[in-house]
C-alpha atoms as a PDB file:
ATOM      1  CA  MET A   1     -18.020 107.197  20.146  1.00  0.00           C
ATOM      2  CA  SER A   2     -16.257 105.208  17.479  1.00  0.00           C
ATOM      3  CA  PHE A   3     -16.096 101.445  17.190  1.00  0.00           C
ATOM      4  CA  ASN A   4     -12.460 101.378  18.389  1.00  0.00           C
ATOM      5  CA  THR A   5     -13.313 103.474  21.437  1.00  0.00           C
ATOM      6  CA  SER A   6     -16.260 101.206  22.296  1.00  0.00           C
ATOM      7  CA  LEU A   7     -14.075  98.144  21.947  1.00  0.00           C
ATOM      8  CA  ARG A   8     -11.408  99.705  24.150  1.00  0.00           C
ATOM      9  CA  VAL A   9     -13.984 100.548  26.871  1.00  0.00           C
ATOM     10  CA  PHE A  10     -15.483  97.041  26.699  1.00  0.00           C
ATOM     11  CA  THR A  11     -12.041  95.415  26.820  1.00  0.00           C
ATOM     12  CA  SER A  12     -10.898  97.452  29.792  1.00  0.00           C
ATOM     13  CA  LYS A  13     -14.101  96.707  31.737  1.00  0.00           C
ATOM     14  CA  SER A  14     -13.885  92.991  31.068  1.00  0.00           C
ATOM     15  CA  ALA A  15     -10.229  93.003  32.060  1.00  0.00           C
ATOM     16  CA  THR A  16     -11.204  94.599  35.353  1.00  0.00           C
ATOM     17  CA  LEU A  17     -13.914  92.045  35.955  1.00  0.00           C
ATOM     18  CA  SER A  18     -11.742  89.075  35.109  1.00  0.00           C
ATOM     19  CA  SER A  19      -8.948  90.204  37.372  1.00  0.00           C
ATOM     20  CA  ALA A  20     -11.279  90.554  40.368  1.00  0.00           C
ATOM     21  CA  ARG A  21     -11.027  87.748  42.861  1.00  0.00           C
ATOM     22  CA  ILE A  22     -14.109  85.632  42.863  1.00  0.00           C
ATOM     23  CA  PRO A  23     -14.253  83.215  45.754  1.00  0.00           C
ATOM     24  CA  THR A  24     -14.585  79.660  44.588  1.00  0.00           C
ATOM     25  CA  ALA A  25     -15.381  76.659  46.659  1.00  0.00           C
ATOM     26  CA  ILE A  26     -13.651  73.460  45.805  1.00  0.00           C
ATOM     27  CA  ARG A  27     -16.144  70.680  45.770  1.00  0.00           C
ATOM     28  CA  ALA A  28     -14.868  67.214  46.439  1.00  0.00           C
ATOM     29  CA  PHE A  29     -16.656  64.305  44.836  1.00  0.00           C
ATOM     30  CA  HIS A  30     -16.421  60.894  46.366  1.00  0.00           C
ATOM     31  CA  THR A  31     -17.542  57.846  44.545  1.00  0.00           C
ATOM     32  CA  THR A  32     -18.379  54.669  46.300  1.00  0.00           C
ATOM     33  CA  GLN A  33     -18.766  51.280  44.813  1.00  0.00           C
ATOM     34  CA  ARG A  34     -22.274  49.997  44.465  1.00  0.00           C
ATOM     35  CA  ARG A  35     -23.225  47.744  47.311  1.00  0.00           C
ATOM     36  CA  ALA A  36     -25.200  44.583  47.018  1.00  0.00           C
ATOM     37  CA  VAL A  37     -28.951  44.775  47.337  1.00  0.00           C
ATOM     38  CA  ILE A  38     -30.429  41.868  49.265  1.00  0.00           C
ATOM     39  CA  PHE A  39     -33.969  40.879  48.329  1.00  0.00           C
ATOM     40  CA  GLN A  40     -35.294  38.890  51.299  1.00  0.00           C
ATOM     41  CA  ASP A  41     -38.092  36.376  50.537  1.00  0.00           C
ATOM     42  CA  ALA A  42     -38.477  37.721  47.011  1.00  0.00           C
ATOM     43  CA  SER A  43     -41.777  37.390  45.194  1.00  0.00           C
ATOM     44  CA  LYS A  44     -41.839  36.172  41.599  1.00  0.00           C
ATOM     45  CA  GLN A  45     -42.123  39.754  40.296  1.00  0.00           C
ATOM     46  CA  VAL A  46     -39.238  41.023  42.458  1.00  0.00           C
ATOM     47  CA  PHE A  47     -37.152  38.005  41.442  1.00  0.00           C
ATOM     48  CA  GLU A  48     -37.715  38.570  37.725  1.00  0.00           C
ATOM     49  CA  ASN A  49     -36.973  42.291  38.004  1.00  0.00           C
ATOM     50  CA  ALA A  50     -33.790  41.605  39.979  1.00  0.00           C
ATOM     51  CA  ILE A  51     -32.336  39.012  37.593  1.00  0.00           C
ATOM     52  CA  ALA A  52     -33.001  41.291  34.606  1.00  0.00           C
ATOM     53  CA  ASN A  53     -30.449  43.808  35.966  1.00  0.00           C
ATOM     54  CA  LYS A  54     -27.727  44.210  33.323  1.00  0.00           C
ATOM     55  CA  GLU A  55     -25.319  46.063  35.612  1.00  0.00           C
ATOM     56  CA  LYS A  56     -24.958  43.339  38.224  1.00  0.00           C
ATOM     57  CA  VAL A  57     -24.505  39.627  38.657  1.00  0.00           C
ATOM     58  CA  VAL A  58     -27.508  38.350  40.603  1.00  0.00           C
ATOM     59  CA  ILE A  59     -27.142  35.436  43.002  1.00  0.00           C
ATOM     60  CA  ALA A  60     -30.365  33.550  43.776  1.00  0.00           C
ATOM     61  CA  ASP A  61     -30.282  31.504  46.983  1.00  0.00           C
ATOM     62  CA  PHE A  62     -33.103  28.948  47.071  1.00  0.00           C
ATOM     63  CA  TYR A  63     -33.605  27.905  50.703  1.00  0.00           C
ATOM     64  CA  ALA A  64     -36.099  26.702  53.301  1.00  0.00           C
ATOM     65  CA  ASP A  65     -36.253  27.596  56.992  1.00  0.00           C
ATOM     66  CA  TRP A  66     -36.164  23.928  58.028  1.00  0.00           C
ATOM     67  CA  CYS A  67     -32.986  23.268  55.985  1.00  0.00           C
ATOM     68  CA  GLY A  68     -29.889  23.207  58.233  1.00  0.00           C
ATOM     69  CA  PRO A  69     -27.287  23.717  55.474  1.00  0.00           C
ATOM     70  CA  CYS A  70     -29.378  26.628  54.128  1.00  0.00           C
ATOM     71  CA  ARG A  71     -29.088  28.395  57.485  1.00  0.00           C
ATOM     72  CA  LEU A  72     -25.301  28.064  57.244  1.00  0.00           C
ATOM     73  CA  ILE A  73     -24.855  29.179  53.651  1.00  0.00           C
ATOM     74  CA  SER A  74     -27.173  32.228  53.541  1.00  0.00           C
ATOM     75  CA  PRO A  75     -25.125  34.382  55.976  1.00  0.00           C
ATOM     76  CA  THR A  76     -21.945  33.492  54.070  1.00  0.00           C
ATOM     77  CA  LEU A  77     -23.530  34.563  50.783  1.00  0.00           C
ATOM     78  CA  LYS A  78     -24.726  37.821  52.361  1.00  0.00           C
ATOM     79  CA  LYS A  79     -21.233  38.561  53.638  1.00  0.00           C
ATOM     80  CA  LEU A  80     -19.383  37.697  50.415  1.00  0.00           C
ATOM     81  CA  THR A  81     -21.760  39.459  48.026  1.00  0.00           C
ATOM     82  CA  GLU A  82     -21.306  42.742  49.912  1.00  0.00           C
ATOM     83  CA  ASP A  83     -17.814  43.038  48.410  1.00  0.00           C
ATOM     84  CA  PRO A  84     -18.261  44.313  44.832  1.00  0.00           C
ATOM     85  CA  ASN A  85     -14.783  43.097  43.854  1.00  0.00           C
ATOM     86  CA  LYS A  86     -15.626  39.399  44.243  1.00  0.00           C
ATOM     87  CA  SER A  87     -17.041  38.988  40.739  1.00  0.00           C
ATOM     88  CA  GLY A  88     -14.635  37.887  38.024  1.00  0.00           C
ATOM     89  CA  THR A  89     -16.287  40.277  35.549  1.00  0.00           C
ATOM     90  CA  GLY A  90     -15.970  43.257  37.857  1.00  0.00           C
ATOM     91  CA  LYS A  91     -19.747  43.577  38.137  1.00  0.00           C
ATOM     92  CA  PRO A  92     -21.177  43.974  41.644  1.00  0.00           C
ATOM     93  CA  PHE A  93     -23.638  41.474  43.092  1.00  0.00           C
ATOM     94  CA  ASP A  94     -27.251  41.484  44.174  1.00  0.00           C
ATOM     95  CA  LEU A  95     -28.557  38.647  46.326  1.00  0.00           C
ATOM     96  CA  VAL A  96     -32.095  37.291  45.989  1.00  0.00           C
ATOM     97  CA  LEU A  97     -33.272  34.958  48.743  1.00  0.00           C
ATOM     98  CA  VAL A  98     -36.081  32.662  47.614  1.00  0.00           C
ATOM     99  CA  ASP A  99     -38.009  30.780  50.301  1.00  0.00           C
ATOM    100  CA  THR A 100     -39.083  27.550  48.608  1.00  0.00           C
ATOM    101  CA  ASP A 101     -41.841  27.062  51.199  1.00  0.00           C
ATOM    102  CA  SER A 102     -43.721  30.131  49.934  1.00  0.00           C
ATOM    103  CA  GLY A 103     -46.103  30.068  46.945  1.00  0.00           C
ATOM    104  CA  ASP A 104     -43.892  32.169  44.655  1.00  0.00           C
ATOM    105  CA  GLY A 105     -40.789  30.386  45.914  1.00  0.00           C
ATOM    106  CA  GLN A 106     -42.231  26.985  44.974  1.00  0.00           C
ATOM    107  CA  GLN A 107     -43.066  28.223  41.470  1.00  0.00           C
ATOM    108  CA  LEU A 108     -39.576  29.680  41.008  1.00  0.00           C
ATOM    109  CA  ALA A 109     -37.974  26.475  42.307  1.00  0.00           C
ATOM    110  CA  GLN A 110     -39.947  24.451  39.747  1.00  0.00           C
ATOM    111  CA  GLN A 111     -39.154  26.918  36.970  1.00  0.00           C
ATOM    112  CA  TYR A 112     -35.399  26.679  37.641  1.00  0.00           C
ATOM    113  CA  GLU A 113     -35.490  22.935  38.398  1.00  0.00           C
ATOM    114  CA  VAL A 114     -34.345  23.173  42.001  1.00  0.00           C
ATOM    115  CA  ARG A 115     -34.192  19.555  43.206  1.00  0.00           C
ATOM    116  CA  ALA A 116     -32.233  19.946  46.465  1.00  0.00           C
ATOM    117  CA  LEU A 117     -31.544  22.643  49.024  1.00  0.00           C
ATOM    118  CA  PRO A 118     -29.662  24.859  49.198  1.00  0.00           C
ATOM    119  CA  THR A 119     -29.362  25.656  45.496  1.00  0.00           C
ATOM    120  CA  VAL A 120     -27.553  28.810  44.414  1.00  0.00           C
ATOM    121  CA  ILE A 121     -27.939  30.058  40.836  1.00  0.00           C
ATOM    122  CA  ALA A 122     -26.018  32.990  39.348  1.00  0.00           C
ATOM    123  CA  PHE A 123     -27.706  35.162  36.709  1.00  0.00           C
ATOM    124  CA  ARG A 124     -26.230  37.668  34.293  1.00  0.00           C
ATOM    125  CA  ASP A 125     -28.583  39.693  32.072  1.00  0.00           C
ATOM    126  CA  GLY A 126     -31.501  37.473  33.114  1.00  0.00           C
ATOM    127  CA  THR A 127     -29.795  34.233  32.082  1.00  0.00           C
ATOM    128  CA  PRO A 128     -28.560  31.522  34.479  1.00  0.00           C
ATOM    129  CA  ILE A 129     -24.790  31.252  34.044  1.00  0.00           C
ATOM    130  CA  SER A 130     -23.691  28.971  36.876  1.00  0.00           C
ATOM    131  CA  LYS A 131     -24.979  27.167  39.950  1.00  0.00           C
ATOM    132  CA  PHE A 132     -24.090  24.925  42.837  1.00  0.00           C
ATOM    133  CA  VAL A 133     -26.176  22.614  44.986  1.00  0.00           C
ATOM    134  CA  GLY A 134     -25.545  21.829  48.634  1.00  0.00           C
ATOM    135  CA  ALA A 135     -23.548  23.500  51.354  1.00  0.00           C
ATOM    136  CA  LEU A 136     -20.069  24.706  50.471  1.00  0.00           C
ATOM    137  CA  ASP A 137     -17.455  26.189  52.765  1.00  0.00           C
ATOM    138  CA  GLN A 138     -16.696  29.913  52.625  1.00  0.00           C
ATOM    139  CA  GLN A 139     -13.581  29.481  50.468  1.00  0.00           C
ATOM    140  CA  SER A 140     -15.484  27.431  47.867  1.00  0.00           C
ATOM    141  CA  ILE A 141     -18.305  29.982  47.746  1.00  0.00           C
ATOM    142  CA  LYS A 142     -15.719  32.738  47.312  1.00  0.00           C
ATOM    143  CA  LYS A 143     -14.180  30.861  44.354  1.00  0.00           C
ATOM    144  CA  PHE A 144     -17.648  30.362  42.865  1.00  0.00           C
ATOM    145  CA  LEU A 145     -18.360  34.108  43.067  1.00  0.00           C
ATOM    146  CA  GLU A 146     -14.955  35.014  41.614  1.00  0.00           C
ATOM    147  CA  SER A 147     -15.636  32.743  38.630  1.00  0.00           C
ATOM    148  CA  LEU A 148     -18.707  34.758  37.629  1.00  0.00           C
END
């Protein structure tokens, strides 16, 4: 068999194979936006790991159970940080709740100079970028989050 004959046989076989119908399944990919992770009563180690996240803006809510305004603001923060489009930079949020009555919470409050409750500090790449102290209404909290 010559080279030309071999090539012709190979070409005709591959043409037959390529023209055969091969069932294909179409696979749909759905992407969802990343949702906020809520770290309840975060320890110092969890807190430091969370604020080091470079893909998200991390909101730290310093609170105490006995603090009335804290009980009002925490559910609002949980609700608003669930929407990944609230950040001005387009980065999604994580929420870290720090109980200032716990041992680690007291240390973190001292480290970040929390003088009144509630105090909310926003972190980007491990660095505090903005904060507010005291209870704000939902619209003001929304504006705060959009400014980040």
